[in-house]
C-alpha atoms as a PDB file:
ATOM      1  CA  UNK A   1       0.000   0.000   0.000  1.00  0.00           C
ATOM      2  CA  UNK A   2       1.173   3.497  -0.789  1.00  0.00           C
ATOM      3  CA  UNK A   3       1.675   6.203   1.822  1.00  0.00           C
ATOM      4  CA  UNK A   4      -1.497   7.916   0.605  1.00  0.00           C
ATOM      5  CA  UNK A   5      -3.466   4.689   0.975  1.00  0.00           C
ATOM      6  CA  UNK A   6      -2.168   4.197   4.504  1.00  0.00           C
ATOM      7  CA  UNK A   7      -3.171   7.746   5.386  1.00  0.00           C
ATOM      8  CA  UNK A   8      -6.628   7.154   3.882  1.00  0.00           C
ATOM      9  CA  UNK A   9      -6.870   3.877   5.840  1.00  0.00           C
ATOM     10  CA  UNK A  10      -6.041   5.782   9.016  1.00  0.00           C
ATOM     11  CA  UNK A  11      -8.870   8.213   8.305  1.00  0.00           C
ATOM     12  CA  UNK A  12     -11.286   5.369   7.664  1.00  0.00           C
ATOM     13  CA  UNK A  13     -10.232   3.736  10.946  1.00  0.00           C
ATOM     14  CA  UNK A  14     -10.921   6.964  12.836  1.00  0.00           C
ATOM     15  CA  UNK A  15     -14.409   7.076  11.300  1.00  0.00           C
ATOM     16  CA  UNK A  16     -15.098   3.408  12.145  1.00  0.00           C
ATOM     17  CA  UNK A  17     -13.842   3.774  15.727  1.00  0.00           C
ATOM     18  CA  UNK A  18     -16.051   6.839  16.198  1.00  0.00           C
ATOM     19  CA  UNK A  19     -18.996   4.957  14.690  1.00  0.00           C
ATOM     20  CA  UNK A  20     -18.513   2.069  17.098  1.00  0.00           C
ATOM     21  CA  UNK A  21     -18.147   4.406  20.078  1.00  0.00           C
ATOM     22  CA  UNK A  22     -21.396   6.136  19.124  1.00  0.00           C
ATOM     23  CA  UNK A  23     -23.082   2.762  18.612  1.00  0.00           C
ATOM     24  CA  UNK A  24     -21.924   1.625  22.074  1.00  0.00           C
ATOM     25  CA  UNK A  25     -23.392   4.836  23.492  1.00  0.00           C
ATOM     26  CA  UNK A  26     -26.668   4.045  21.714  1.00  0.00           C
ATOM     27  CA  UNK A  27     -26.683   0.570  23.281  1.00  0.00           C
ATOM     28  CA  UNK A  28     -26.701   2.217  26.703  1.00  0.00           C
ATOM     29  CA  UNK A  29     -29.244   4.952  25.896  1.00  0.00           C
ATOM     30  CA  UNK A  30     -31.538   3.717  23.071  1.00  0.00           C
ATOM     31  CA  UNK A  31     -31.705   7.309  21.798  1.00  0.00           C
ATOM     32  CA  UNK A  32     -32.677   7.069  18.089  1.00  0.00           C
ATOM     33  CA  UNK A  33     -30.619  10.068  16.846  1.00  0.00           C
ATOM     34  CA  UNK A  34     -27.544   8.409  18.363  1.00  0.00           C
ATOM     35  CA  UNK A  35     -28.217   5.279  16.318  1.00  0.00           C
ATOM     36  CA  UNK A  36     -28.719   7.347  13.168  1.00  0.00           C
ATOM     37  CA  UNK A  37     -25.412   9.140  13.803  1.00  0.00           C
ATOM     38  CA  UNK A  38     -23.599   5.816  14.183  1.00  0.00           C
ATOM     39  CA  UNK A  39     -25.149   4.494  10.966  1.00  0.00           C
ATOM     40  CA  UNK A  40     -24.132   7.658   9.098  1.00  0.00           C
ATOM     41  CA  UNK A  41     -20.538   7.260  10.323  1.00  0.00           C
ATOM     42  CA  UNK A  42     -20.500   3.607   9.229  1.00  0.00           C
ATOM     43  CA  UNK A  43     -21.692   4.684   5.758  1.00  0.00           C
ATOM     44  CA  UNK A  44     -18.902   7.268   5.507  1.00  0.00           C
ATOM     45  CA  UNK A  45     -16.327   4.681   6.604  1.00  0.00           C
ATOM     46  CA  UNK A  46     -17.522   2.148   4.047  1.00  0.00           C
ATOM     47  CA  UNK A  47     -17.452   4.710   1.246  1.00  0.00           C
ATOM     48  CA  UNK A  48     -13.865   5.541   2.252  1.00  0.00           C
ATOM     49  CA  UNK A  49     -13.004   1.841   2.036  1.00  0.00           C
ATOM     50  CA  UNK A  50     -13.975   1.756  -1.658  1.00  0.00           C
ATOM     51  CA  UNK A  51     -10.822   3.677  -2.605  1.00  0.00           C
ATOM     52  CA  UNK A  52      -8.683   1.227  -0.627  1.00  0.00           C
ATOM     53  CA  UNK A  53     -10.367  -1.735  -2.283  1.00  0.00           C
ATOM     54  CA  UNK A  54      -9.654  -0.258  -5.717  1.00  0.00           C
ATOM     55  CA  UNK A  55      -5.985   0.283  -4.925  1.00  0.00           C
ATOM     56  CA  UNK A  56      -5.129  -2.795  -2.868  1.00  0.00           C
ATOM     57  CA  UNK A  57      -7.870  -5.266  -3.626  1.00  0.00           C
ATOM     58  CA  UNK A  58     -10.708  -6.502  -1.489  1.00  0.00           C
ATOM     59  CA  UNK A  59      -8.762  -9.087   0.530  1.00  0.00           C
ATOM     60  CA  UNK A  60      -5.960  -6.748   1.540  1.00  0.00           C
ATOM     61  CA  UNK A  61      -8.120  -3.689   2.280  1.00  0.00           C
ATOM     62  CA  UNK A  62     -10.741  -5.525   4.319  1.00  0.00           C
ATOM     63  CA  UNK A  63      -8.203  -7.679   6.172  1.00  0.00           C
ATOM     64  CA  UNK A  64      -6.153  -4.699   7.288  1.00  0.00           C
ATOM     65  CA  UNK A  65      -9.266  -2.692   8.104  1.00  0.00           C
ATOM     66  CA  UNK A  66     -10.894  -5.475  10.114  1.00  0.00           C
ATOM     67  CA  UNK A  67      -7.889  -6.190  12.304  1.00  0.00           C
ATOM     68  CA  UNK A  68      -7.053  -2.511  12.757  1.00  0.00           C
ATOM     69  CA  UNK A  69     -10.645  -1.916  13.871  1.00  0.00           C
ATOM     70  CA  UNK A  70     -10.483  -4.942  16.167  1.00  0.00           C
ATOM     71  CA  UNK A  71      -7.403  -3.624  17.947  1.00  0.00           C
ATOM     72  CA  UNK A  72      -8.432   0.053  18.027  1.00  0.00           C
ATOM     73  CA  UNK A  73     -11.979  -0.652  19.184  1.00  0.00           C
ATOM     74  CA  UNK A  74     -10.688  -3.023  21.860  1.00  0.00           C
ATOM     75  CA  UNK A  75      -8.409  -0.258  23.133  1.00  0.00           C
ATOM     76  CA  UNK A  76     -11.386   2.121  23.121  1.00  0.00           C
ATOM     77  CA  UNK A  77     -13.561  -0.412  24.950  1.00  0.00           C
ATOM     78  CA  UNK A  78     -10.837  -0.864  27.568  1.00  0.00           C
ATOM     79  CA  UNK A  79     -10.029   2.815  28.124  1.00  0.00           C
ATOM     80  CA  UNK A  80     -13.401   4.513  27.637  1.00  0.00           C
ATOM     81  CA  UNK A  81     -16.013   1.904  28.568  1.00  0.00           C
ATOM     82  CA  UNK A  82     -14.017  -0.116  31.128  1.00  0.00           C
ATOM     83  CA  UNK A  83     -14.381  -3.437  29.319  1.00  0.00           C
ATOM     84  CA  UNK A  84     -11.671  -6.040  29.989  1.00  0.00           C
ATOM     85  CA  UNK A  85     -10.747  -8.636  27.332  1.00  0.00           C
ATOM     86  CA  UNK A  86      -9.792 -12.104  28.529  1.00  0.00           C
ATOM     87  CA  UNK A  87      -6.413 -13.663  27.846  1.00  0.00           C
ATOM     88  CA  UNK A  88      -7.933 -15.778  25.101  1.00  0.00           C
ATOM     89  CA  UNK A  89      -9.406 -12.683  23.458  1.00  0.00           C
ATOM     90  CA  UNK A  90      -6.032 -10.913  23.627  1.00  0.00           C
ATOM     91  CA  UNK A  91      -4.406 -13.972  22.035  1.00  0.00           C
ATOM     92  CA  UNK A  92      -7.008 -13.852  19.261  1.00  0.00           C
ATOM     93  CA  UNK A  93      -6.207 -10.201  18.604  1.00  0.00           C
ATOM     94  CA  UNK A  94      -2.494 -11.012  18.448  1.00  0.00           C
ATOM     95  CA  UNK A  95      -3.186 -13.804  15.948  1.00  0.00           C
ATOM     96  CA  UNK A  96      -5.228 -11.360  13.874  1.00  0.00           C
ATOM     97  CA  UNK A  97      -2.306  -8.940  13.770  1.00  0.00           C
ATOM     98  CA  UNK A  98       0.040 -11.756  12.693  1.00  0.00           C
ATOM     99  CA  UNK A  99      -2.445 -12.784   9.995  1.00  0.00           C
ATOM    100  CA  UNK A 100      -2.612  -9.254   8.561  1.00  0.00           C
ATOM    101  CA  UNK A 101       1.169  -8.962   8.561  1.00  0.00           C
ATOM    102  CA  UNK A 102       1.349 -12.192   6.562  1.00  0.00           C
ATOM    103  CA  UNK A 103      -1.376 -11.049   4.147  1.00  0.00           C
ATOM    104  CA  UNK A 104       0.183  -7.608   3.625  1.00  0.00           C
ATOM    105  CA  UNK A 105       3.785  -8.853   3.428  1.00  0.00           C
ATOM    106  CA  UNK A 106       5.400  -7.650   0.197  1.00  0.00           C
ATOM    107  CA  UNK A 107       5.332 -10.344  -2.480  1.00  0.00           C
ATOM    108  CA  UNK A 108       8.132 -11.171  -4.872  1.00  0.00           C
ATOM    109  CA  UNK A 109       7.312 -10.347  -8.460  1.00  0.00           C
ATOM    110  CA  UNK A 110       8.009 -13.394 -10.629  1.00  0.00           C
ATOM    111  CA  UNK A 111       8.879 -12.831 -14.242  1.00  0.00           C
END
């Protein structure tokens, strides 16, 4: 992925983390405008992902996005909402990070 794509991915991750934080707030309040705000943020994040899918392909873009969201949202859940992942859940996140590194690892170009 190019530097521009990584920057765009970072922006998409910010939007998705915000969307999930708003959705978690909705789960506690059931306030309809909160739900609509979360859904709007998810739509913006998915539209941003289209550019990444065009540049890097579906598998790479979604894999990196999914694991980045997993880690970032888990950090948010821990720091903001006081949720505590179990050791098994932390191991799963670590395996996800390893999987994305293997998927995104630069490939040799064969002639």
